[in-house]
Amino acid sequence: MRLELPSQQQQFQHQQPHQQPRPVSPAERQFWFAERIAQGSPAWRVLSAIRVEGPLDRAALTEAARRVVARHPALRSVFTAEGGRLLRTVLPAAAEPPLLPLALGAGFRDAERALSAPDLLDLDHGRHLALALAPDPGAATADDGPDPYGTAPVPAATIYVLTHHIAYDGLSHEVFTADLARAYARTVAGEPEPPAPPRSHGTPPEPSAARREELVAYWRAALDGVPDLPVEGPGPSQRELAGAQVRTHRVRFADGLGPAVRDAARRAACPPFAVLLTAYGQALAELSGADDFCVGTPVSLRTPDQADEIGCLLTTLPVRLRHLDAPGALSRVWETFTDGVLHMELPYDETVRATRTRPSRRMPLHQALFAYESWQRPLHPAGPVRMHTVPVYPLGAQAEIQFQLNELPGARLEGVLQAPADGVWAGRLPALAAAVTRRLVASAPNAPTIEEKAR
């Protein structure tokens, strides 16, 4: 196929870069410092996947990806420390991001290995995106993420998207895929890109001094005396976590469990997230003997005008879990979470500084993480092809034990438990998965039993 592409000047005459340095968001600051602590760690990288149905043109794909980078300042920003402040500068639209070829039917692990070169992403020069293309992968392989479109036609290819957390969160991948589909359709049609909308640059407003005092007082009271999750020995440091090899255990729940969890949440007047977090906390308490600890969970900070923006637009909320086997645990977990949401204007790093009162080499506030992805994954028309995202799992350890759970079409629940391969949780992942399952079945009277799942 011959591509008749408009000139760069035509495409981007309305998309002038913002040359004036701007303050960074709290999430950008957090991942910038994380990168300095453990440079090149897979824990700070995101590897996502897009299924493609139809004949895909490689040249059109690379051009479409370049257009998406030009459309989103977060994908072409550099970060500099000046005068005690961290600033972000947006660079002009650059060349096409790299597109690595993969073997026929290559899966997630193959893409991870191919995209592991440290120079593919470069924060200092604004390179935050790299792609890999696996033609005709067919059905998902054993190490692929779950495909919510199990009955869809076999895709012609899978696009793997490597980014850095400083510029990308889970919802960013949905935005990227939608924009890539539109840009691909325009590219093959020889059409220019429309002007990009104004961007907020992902920097939330600073709370007033009085409000900041309220937030600090709230978190000091909420997290006063919270102990670490019990572990044998001293536990890993943050630097050790960032460099650790990760062991992954796939979790596939019975098909009827997701709808049963939804029913249980409806009866308790809370979302399924609260039921799932409670079950995870109860399972952690059962295996560790803990009766008081925190679980960190990522929460979106997107405002309505940021719905189509790429960036790290989230924070980590520490949720204190206590007495999880006492009556009313679900209500207490949901109340604790909602109270935290009402006070999450205080950036996470400031929350740590305000509440951490004892020295420790381990992660502050929480050593367990729970991420729940429940958003829709629509099919996007892209000229002669169609694209949609599929869930995948994290590359590295952002906690001593982490659980990513995805809700797929039909309220199906699938996910992964992950822990450092040399840590105490690595050998307990199957037991933890079984404990989560038991707790969910107990909380949802209409849930299928484990025996029913086996049949």
Protein backbone atom coordinates (compact mmCIF):
# COMPACT_ATOMS: atom_id res chain seq x y z
CA MET A 1 0.00 0.00 0.00
CA ARG A 2 1.32 3.45 -0.93
CA LEU A 3 0.77 6.09 1.74
CA GLU A 4 0.13 9.68 0.69
CA LEU A 5 0.93 11.49 3.93
CA PRO A 6 0.57 15.19 4.65
CA SER A 7 3.69 17.09 5.58
CA GLN A 8 4.69 17.47 9.21
CA GLN A 9 3.97 21.19 8.99
CA GLN A 10 0.42 20.49 7.79
CA GLN A 11 -0.20 17.91 10.48
CA PHE A 12 1.04 19.88 13.45
CA GLN A 13 0.63 23.53 12.57
CA HIS A 14 -1.99 23.78 15.33
CA GLN A 15 -0.07 21.63 17.82
CA GLN A 16 2.72 23.88 19.04
CA PRO A 17 4.75 22.46 21.93
CA HIS A 18 4.58 24.06 25.35
CA GLN A 19 8.19 25.19 25.75
CA GLN A 20 7.77 26.87 29.14
CA PRO A 21 8.70 24.45 31.97
CA ARG A 22 5.79 23.55 34.22
CA PRO A 23 5.61 21.97 37.68
CA VAL A 24 5.17 18.20 37.62
CA SER A 25 2.26 16.28 39.05
CA PRO A 26 2.74 14.30 42.28
CA ALA A 27 2.64 11.00 40.35
CA GLU A 28 5.29 12.24 37.92
CA ARG A 29 7.46 13.32 40.83
CA GLN A 30 7.00 9.92 42.49
CA PHE A 31 8.09 7.97 39.41
CA TRP A 32 10.93 10.38 38.60
CA PHE A 33 12.43 9.72 42.03
CA ALA A 34 11.70 6.00 41.69
CA GLU A 35 13.68 5.93 38.45
CA ARG A 36 16.62 7.57 40.24
CA ILE A 37 16.48 4.97 43.01
CA ALA A 38 16.45 2.01 40.60
CA GLN A 39 17.18 3.16 37.06
CA GLY A 40 15.66 1.00 34.33
CA SER A 41 13.64 -1.13 36.75
CA PRO A 42 10.80 -3.06 35.10
CA ALA A 43 8.65 -1.95 38.04
CA TRP A 44 8.43 1.53 36.50
CA ARG A 45 7.63 0.28 32.99
CA VAL A 46 4.25 -0.59 31.51
CA LEU A 47 3.80 -3.20 28.80
CA SER A 48 0.32 -3.16 27.27
CA ALA A 49 -1.25 -5.01 24.37
CA ILE A 50 -3.62 -4.19 21.49
CA ARG A 51 -5.27 -6.87 19.37
CA VAL A 52 -5.72 -6.01 15.72
CA GLU A 53 -8.23 -7.63 13.37
CA GLY A 54 -7.61 -7.18 9.68
CA PRO A 55 -4.62 -6.55 7.39
CA LEU A 56 -2.23 -4.22 9.20
CA ASP A 57 0.20 -1.97 7.31
CA ARG A 58 3.47 -1.46 9.21
CA ALA A 59 4.32 1.93 7.70
CA ALA A 60 0.85 3.25 8.47
CA LEU A 61 1.13 1.95 12.03
CA THR A 62 4.41 3.74 12.74
CA GLU A 63 3.05 6.97 11.26
CA ALA A 64 -0.13 6.65 13.33
CA ALA A 65 1.93 6.11 16.48
CA ARG A 66 3.96 9.23 15.72
CA ARG A 67 0.75 11.22 15.40
CA VAL A 68 -0.47 9.99 18.77
CA VAL A 69 2.83 10.99 20.40
CA ALA A 70 2.49 14.43 18.83
CA ARG A 71 -1.04 14.69 20.21
CA HIS A 72 -0.15 13.97 23.84
CA PRO A 73 2.43 16.11 25.69
CA ALA A 74 3.03 13.41 28.33
CA LEU A 75 4.63 11.18 25.67
CA ARG A 76 7.26 13.78 24.73
CA SER A 77 8.20 15.46 28.01
CA VAL A 78 11.51 15.80 29.82
CA PHE A 79 12.03 16.40 33.53
CA THR A 80 14.64 18.64 35.11
CA ALA A 81 15.42 19.64 38.68
CA GLU A 82 15.89 23.40 39.00
CA GLY A 83 16.05 25.48 42.14
CA GLY A 84 14.79 22.68 44.34
CA ARG A 85 11.80 21.99 42.09
CA LEU A 86 11.13 19.31 39.51
CA LEU A 87 9.89 20.77 36.23
CA ARG A 88 8.50 19.28 33.03
CA THR A 89 9.14 20.62 29.53
CA VAL A 90 7.26 19.38 26.47
CA LEU A 91 9.43 18.75 23.41
CA PRO A 92 8.33 19.27 19.81
CA ALA A 93 6.82 16.32 17.96
CA ALA A 94 9.61 13.88 17.21
CA ALA A 95 10.25 11.01 14.84
CA GLU A 96 8.33 7.78 14.78
CA PRO A 97 8.73 5.64 17.92
CA PRO A 98 10.63 2.37 17.41
CA LEU A 99 8.61 -0.61 16.16
CA LEU A 100 10.31 -3.96 16.79
CA PRO A 101 9.31 -7.02 14.76
CA LEU A 102 8.40 -10.16 16.69
CA ALA A 103 8.15 -13.73 15.49
CA LEU A 104 4.88 -15.17 14.25
CA GLY A 105 2.57 -15.71 17.20
CA ALA A 106 4.92 -14.18 19.78
CA GLY A 107 3.32 -13.70 23.18
CA PHE A 108 3.61 -11.33 26.12
CA ARG A 109 6.84 -12.85 27.46
CA ASP A 110 8.43 -12.64 24.01
CA ALA A 111 7.49 -8.98 23.78
CA GLU A 112 8.82 -8.35 27.28
CA ARG A 113 12.20 -9.81 26.32
CA ALA A 114 12.33 -7.95 22.99
CA LEU A 115 11.48 -4.62 24.65
CA SER A 116 13.83 -5.02 27.61
CA ALA A 117 16.68 -3.00 26.06
CA PRO A 118 17.40 -0.12 28.45
CA ASP A 119 17.80 2.50 25.72
CA LEU A 120 14.33 2.06 24.19
CA LEU A 121 12.86 4.47 26.73
CA ASP A 122 14.77 7.57 27.80
CA LEU A 123 13.23 9.99 30.32
CA ASP A 124 16.07 12.47 29.88
CA HIS A 125 15.32 12.87 26.17
CA GLY A 126 11.55 12.54 26.17
CA ARG A 127 11.33 9.05 24.67
CA HIS A 128 8.46 7.38 26.48
CA LEU A 129 7.09 4.96 23.88
CA ALA A 130 8.26 1.87 21.99
CA LEU A 131 6.23 -0.72 20.08
CA ALA A 132 6.58 -4.34 19.04
CA LEU A 133 4.46 -6.15 16.47
CA ALA A 134 3.64 -9.86 16.51
CA PRO A 135 1.81 -10.97 13.33
CA ASP A 136 -0.97 -13.56 13.39
CA PRO A 137 -0.67 -14.60 17.05
CA GLY A 138 -3.83 -16.70 16.95
CA ALA A 139 -5.32 -17.67 20.29
CA ALA A 140 -3.73 -16.31 23.44
CA THR A 141 -0.78 -18.39 24.62
CA ALA A 142 -0.32 -19.65 28.16
CA ASP A 143 1.69 -16.60 29.23
CA ASP A 144 -0.51 -14.01 27.52
CA GLY A 145 -2.95 -11.84 29.38
CA PRO A 146 -6.64 -12.81 29.23
CA ASP A 147 -8.51 -11.89 26.06
CA PRO A 148 -11.97 -10.52 26.89
CA TYR A 149 -13.05 -11.15 23.30
CA GLY A 150 -12.67 -14.90 23.38
CA THR A 151 -15.27 -15.39 20.65
CA ALA A 152 -13.98 -12.65 18.35
CA PRO A 153 -12.31 -13.47 15.03
CA VAL A 154 -8.62 -14.37 15.22
CA PRO A 155 -6.67 -11.09 15.16
CA ALA A 156 -4.18 -10.39 12.41
CA ALA A 157 -1.60 -9.10 14.87
CA THR A 158 -0.86 -7.97 18.40
CA ILE A 159 0.75 -4.61 19.07
CA TYR A 160 2.75 -4.46 22.30
CA VAL A 161 3.15 -0.95 23.73
CA LEU A 162 6.02 -0.22 26.12
CA THR A 163 5.82 3.00 28.12
CA HIS A 164 7.05 4.46 31.39
CA HIS A 165 4.71 4.90 34.35
CA ILE A 166 5.72 8.54 34.56
CA ALA A 167 3.69 9.15 31.38
CA TYR A 168 1.12 6.37 31.35
CA ASP A 169 -1.50 4.69 33.51
CA GLY A 170 -4.04 1.96 32.78
CA LEU A 171 -6.69 4.27 31.38
CA SER A 172 -4.03 5.95 29.23
CA HIS A 173 -3.80 2.71 27.28
CA GLU A 174 -7.49 2.93 26.38
CA VAL A 175 -6.94 6.53 25.22
CA PHE A 176 -3.83 5.54 23.27
CA THR A 177 -5.65 2.70 21.51
CA ALA A 178 -8.62 4.88 20.55
CA ASP A 179 -6.32 7.61 19.23
CA LEU A 180 -4.10 5.09 17.43
CA ALA A 181 -7.14 3.62 15.68
CA ARG A 182 -8.31 7.05 14.53
CA ALA A 183 -4.82 8.09 13.45
CA TYR A 184 -4.33 4.82 11.56
CA ALA A 185 -7.61 5.31 9.69
CA ARG A 186 -6.61 8.87 8.72
CA THR A 187 -3.12 7.75 7.73
CA VAL A 188 -4.29 5.06 5.31
CA ALA A 189 -6.83 7.53 3.91
CA GLY A 190 -4.12 10.19 3.43
CA GLU A 191 -5.86 12.62 5.78
CA PRO A 192 -4.14 15.06 8.19
CA GLU A 193 -4.66 15.06 11.92
CA PRO A 194 -7.10 17.58 13.41
CA PRO A 195 -5.74 20.02 15.99
CA ALA A 196 -5.10 18.48 19.40
CA PRO A 197 -7.31 19.73 22.24
CA PRO A 198 -5.77 21.79 25.04
CA ARG A 199 -4.23 19.65 27.75
CA SER A 200 -4.20 20.13 31.51
CA HIS A 201 -0.68 18.63 31.74
CA GLY A 202 -1.84 16.33 34.54
CA THR A 203 -1.04 18.75 37.37
CA PRO A 204 -3.86 18.92 39.94
CA PRO A 205 -4.38 22.17 41.85
CA GLU A 206 -2.46 22.53 45.08
CA PRO A 207 -4.60 22.45 48.25
CA SER A 208 -4.65 25.64 50.26
CA ALA A 209 -2.52 25.89 53.39
CA ALA A 210 -5.55 25.40 55.62
CA ARG A 211 -6.75 22.41 53.62
CA ARG A 212 -3.26 20.90 53.67
CA GLU A 213 -3.26 21.07 57.48
CA GLU A 214 -6.63 19.27 57.51
CA LEU A 215 -5.31 16.57 55.17
CA VAL A 216 -2.15 16.01 57.18
CA ALA A 217 -4.18 15.78 60.41
CA TYR A 218 -6.57 13.29 58.82
CA TRP A 219 -3.86 10.96 57.55
CA ARG A 220 -1.88 11.12 60.79
CA ALA A 221 -4.98 10.00 62.67
CA ALA A 222 -6.03 7.42 60.08
CA LEU A 223 -2.61 5.77 59.89
CA ASP A 224 -1.44 6.27 63.47
CA GLY A 225 0.45 3.21 64.63
CA VAL A 226 -0.30 1.08 61.57
CA PRO A 227 2.15 -1.85 61.53
CA ASP A 228 3.86 -3.38 58.52
CA LEU A 229 2.47 -6.58 57.07
CA PRO A 230 4.15 -9.38 59.07
CA VAL A 231 6.99 -11.13 57.27
CA GLU A 232 9.84 -13.40 58.28
CA GLY A 233 13.10 -11.47 58.54
CA PRO A 234 13.64 -7.78 57.84
CA GLY A 235 11.72 -7.70 54.56
CA PRO A 236 12.96 -6.28 51.26
CA SER A 237 13.96 -2.67 50.75
CA GLN A 238 12.36 -0.58 48.01
CA ARG A 239 15.55 -0.79 45.96
CA GLU A 240 15.60 -4.58 46.31
CA LEU A 241 11.96 -4.77 45.25
CA ALA A 242 12.60 -2.67 42.17
CA GLY A 243 15.37 -5.01 41.02
CA ALA A 244 13.66 -8.27 41.90
CA GLN A 245 12.59 -10.99 39.51
CA VAL A 246 8.84 -11.49 39.77
CA ARG A 247 6.93 -14.73 40.16
CA THR A 248 3.43 -14.64 38.66
CA HIS A 249 0.44 -16.82 39.48
CA ARG A 250 -2.58 -16.59 37.19
CA VAL A 251 -5.98 -16.44 38.92
CA ARG A 252 -9.08 -17.49 37.00
CA PHE A 253 -12.28 -17.51 39.00
CA ALA A 254 -15.38 -19.55 38.17
CA ASP A 255 -17.56 -17.88 35.52
CA GLY A 256 -20.44 -17.28 37.93
CA LEU A 257 -18.34 -15.72 40.67
CA GLY A 258 -18.19 -12.23 39.12
CA PRO A 259 -22.00 -11.83 38.87
CA ALA A 260 -22.34 -13.22 42.41
CA VAL A 261 -19.83 -10.62 43.67
CA ARG A 262 -21.86 -7.91 41.92
CA ASP A 263 -25.02 -9.15 43.65
CA ALA A 264 -23.27 -9.15 47.03
CA ALA A 265 -22.00 -5.60 46.43
CA ARG A 266 -25.48 -4.43 45.48
CA ARG A 267 -26.94 -5.84 48.69
CA ALA A 268 -24.20 -4.13 50.72
CA ALA A 269 -24.66 -0.80 48.87
CA CYS A 270 -21.03 -0.72 47.72
CA PRO A 271 -19.19 -1.45 44.46
CA PRO A 272 -17.66 -4.84 43.62
CA PHE A 273 -14.25 -3.27 44.26
CA ALA A 274 -15.02 -3.17 48.00
CA VAL A 275 -16.04 -6.85 48.08
CA LEU A 276 -12.88 -7.84 46.21
CA LEU A 277 -10.56 -5.69 48.33
CA THR A 278 -12.09 -7.08 51.50
CA ALA A 279 -11.59 -10.67 50.33
CA TYR A 280 -7.98 -9.94 49.37
CA GLY A 281 -7.35 -8.33 52.76
CA GLN A 282 -8.94 -11.26 54.57
CA ALA A 283 -6.77 -13.70 52.61
CA LEU A 284 -3.63 -11.71 53.43
CA ALA A 285 -4.61 -11.67 57.11
CA GLU A 286 -5.28 -15.41 57.06
CA LEU A 287 -1.88 -16.28 55.63
CA SER A 288 0.20 -13.70 57.52
CA GLY A 289 -1.57 -13.54 60.88
CA ALA A 290 -2.01 -9.77 60.54
CA ASP A 291 -4.95 -8.01 62.15
CA ASP A 292 -4.01 -4.43 61.21
CA PHE A 293 -2.21 -3.40 58.02
CA CYS A 294 -2.54 -1.27 54.89
CA VAL A 295 -3.17 -2.23 51.28
CA GLY A 296 -2.28 0.35 48.65
CA THR A 297 -4.65 0.75 45.71
CA PRO A 298 -4.27 3.02 42.67
CA VAL A 299 -7.07 5.57 42.32
CA SER A 300 -7.66 7.71 39.25
CA LEU A 301 -7.33 11.48 39.58
CA ARG A 302 -8.83 12.15 36.14
CA THR A 303 -11.29 14.98 35.89
CA PRO A 304 -14.00 14.96 33.19
CA ASP A 305 -11.85 17.12 30.89
CA GLN A 306 -9.01 14.57 31.17
CA ALA A 307 -11.02 11.59 29.94
CA ASP A 308 -9.08 11.50 26.65
CA GLU A 309 -5.67 12.45 28.06
CA ILE A 310 -2.57 10.28 28.32
CA GLY A 311 -0.53 10.62 31.49
CA CYS A 312 0.04 9.20 34.93
CA LEU A 313 -3.19 10.62 36.33
CA LEU A 314 -3.51 8.58 39.50
CA THR A 315 -2.43 8.31 43.10
CA THR A 316 -1.89 5.42 45.49
CA LEU A 317 -4.37 5.36 48.34
CA PRO A 318 -3.34 3.50 51.53
CA VAL A 319 -6.39 1.67 52.88
CA ARG A 320 -6.05 0.54 56.48
CA LEU A 321 -7.62 -2.86 57.09
CA ARG A 322 -8.39 -3.95 60.66
CA HIS A 323 -10.29 -6.80 62.30
CA LEU A 324 -11.26 -8.30 58.98
CA ASP A 325 -12.80 -11.42 60.51
CA ALA A 326 -15.08 -9.41 62.80
CA PRO A 327 -18.68 -8.68 61.74
CA GLY A 328 -19.15 -5.69 59.44
CA ALA A 329 -15.73 -5.99 57.75
CA LEU A 330 -17.03 -5.09 54.29
CA SER A 331 -18.76 -1.93 55.55
CA ARG A 332 -15.64 -0.85 57.44
CA VAL A 333 -13.39 -1.41 54.42
CA TRP A 334 -15.70 0.60 52.16
CA GLU A 335 -16.00 3.41 54.71
CA THR A 336 -12.22 3.54 55.17
CA PHE A 337 -11.70 3.68 51.42
CA THR A 338 -14.28 6.41 50.80
CA ASP A 339 -12.91 8.50 53.68
CA GLY A 340 -9.48 8.21 52.07
CA VAL A 341 -10.83 9.30 48.68
CA LEU A 342 -12.26 12.42 50.32
CA HIS A 343 -8.76 13.26 51.57
CA MET A 344 -6.56 12.17 48.66
CA GLU A 345 -5.63 15.69 47.57
CA LEU A 346 -2.53 15.28 49.72
CA PRO A 347 0.05 13.72 47.39
CA TYR A 348 1.16 10.23 48.32
CA ASP A 349 4.77 11.22 49.01
CA GLU A 350 3.57 13.95 51.38
CA THR A 351 1.27 11.45 53.10
CA VAL A 352 4.29 9.21 53.67
CA ARG A 353 6.34 12.08 55.12
CA ALA A 354 3.48 13.17 57.38
CA THR A 355 2.66 9.74 58.80
CA ARG A 356 5.81 7.61 58.79
CA THR A 357 7.09 7.88 62.33
CA ARG A 358 9.54 4.97 62.54
CA PRO A 359 12.53 4.01 60.39
CA SER A 360 12.12 1.00 58.14
CA ARG A 361 13.82 -0.36 55.05
CA ARG A 362 10.53 -1.70 53.74
CA MET A 363 7.94 0.14 51.66
CA PRO A 364 6.26 2.81 53.76
CA LEU A 365 2.58 2.56 54.76
CA HIS A 366 1.74 -0.53 52.70
CA GLN A 367 3.57 -3.62 51.49
CA ALA A 368 0.60 -5.10 49.60
CA LEU A 369 -1.01 -3.67 46.48
CA PHE A 370 -4.45 -4.22 44.91
CA ALA A 371 -5.30 -2.94 41.41
CA TYR A 372 -8.75 -3.46 39.92
CA GLU A 373 -9.46 -2.79 36.23
CA SER A 374 -13.16 -2.80 35.40
CA TRP A 375 -13.44 -0.41 32.48
CA GLN A 376 -14.91 -1.27 29.09
CA ARG A 377 -12.59 -2.34 26.28
CA PRO A 378 -14.49 -1.42 23.10
CA LEU A 379 -13.59 -2.32 19.54
CA HIS A 380 -12.22 0.73 17.69
CA PRO A 381 -12.66 0.95 13.91
CA ALA A 382 -9.37 1.87 12.25
CA GLY A 383 -10.06 2.04 8.51
CA PRO A 384 -9.48 -1.49 7.16
CA VAL A 385 -8.79 -2.94 10.63
CA ARG A 386 -10.21 -2.92 14.15
CA MET A 387 -8.35 -2.58 17.44
CA HIS A 388 -9.08 -3.33 21.08
CA THR A 389 -7.02 -3.59 24.24
CA VAL A 390 -6.51 -6.72 26.32
CA PRO A 391 -5.48 -6.92 29.99
CA VAL A 392 -1.89 -7.83 30.77
CA TYR A 393 0.05 -8.01 34.01
CA PRO A 394 2.76 -5.79 35.57
CA LEU A 395 6.40 -6.29 34.63
CA GLY A 396 8.00 -5.69 38.01
CA ALA A 397 7.40 -5.60 41.74
CA GLN A 398 5.80 -2.43 43.09
CA ALA A 399 5.04 -4.15 46.39
CA GLU A 400 6.00 -7.26 48.35
CA ILE A 401 2.74 -8.86 47.22
CA GLN A 402 0.48 -7.44 44.49
CA PHE A 403 -2.84 -8.49 43.01
CA GLN A 404 -4.12 -7.16 39.70
CA LEU A 405 -7.70 -8.18 39.00
CA ASN A 406 -9.56 -7.55 35.75
CA GLU A 407 -13.30 -7.61 35.19
CA LEU A 408 -13.94 -8.88 31.66
CA PRO A 409 -17.16 -8.97 29.61
CA GLY A 410 -19.88 -10.93 31.36
CA ALA A 411 -18.47 -9.89 34.77
CA ARG A 412 -15.79 -12.58 34.46
CA LEU A 413 -12.92 -12.11 36.91
CA GLU A 414 -9.33 -12.94 36.00
CA GLY A 415 -6.05 -11.59 37.24
CA VAL A 416 -2.57 -12.26 38.56
CA LEU A 417 -0.88 -12.46 41.93
CA GLN A 418 2.78 -11.43 41.87
CA ALA A 419 5.65 -11.37 44.33
CA PRO A 420 9.46 -11.18 44.20
CA ALA A 421 10.76 -14.62 43.27
CA ASP A 422 13.10 -14.74 46.29
CA GLY A 423 10.57 -13.34 48.78
CA VAL A 424 8.36 -15.06 51.32
CA TRP A 425 5.18 -14.65 49.26
CA ALA A 426 6.53 -16.30 46.11
CA GLY A 427 5.77 -19.82 47.33
CA ARG A 428 2.42 -18.82 48.84
CA LEU A 429 0.73 -17.43 45.74
CA PRO A 430 -1.44 -20.53 45.06
CA ALA A 431 -2.51 -20.61 48.73
CA LEU A 432 -3.30 -16.89 48.60
CA ALA A 433 -5.39 -17.36 45.44
CA ALA A 434 -7.30 -20.18 47.10
CA ALA A 435 -7.89 -18.06 50.21
CA VAL A 436 -9.22 -15.15 48.12
CA THR A 437 -11.56 -17.56 46.33
CA ARG A 438 -12.89 -18.96 49.62
CA ARG A 439 -13.51 -15.49 50.98
CA LEU A 440 -15.34 -14.38 47.85
CA VAL A 441 -17.51 -17.50 47.84
CA ALA A 442 -18.33 -16.89 51.52
CA SER A 443 -19.24 -13.24 50.87
CA ALA A 444 -21.47 -14.01 47.88
CA PRO A 445 -24.18 -16.57 48.74
CA ASN A 446 -25.03 -17.12 45.07
CA ALA A 447 -21.42 -17.76 44.08
CA PRO A 448 -20.42 -21.11 42.56
CA THR A 449 -18.43 -23.32 44.87
CA ILE A 450 -14.87 -24.41 44.16
CA GLU A 451 -16.17 -27.91 43.41
CA GLU A 452 -18.58 -26.51 40.82
CA LYS A 453 -15.70 -24.66 39.19
CA ALA A 454 -13.70 -27.89 38.99
CA ARG A 455 -16.51 -29.62 37.11
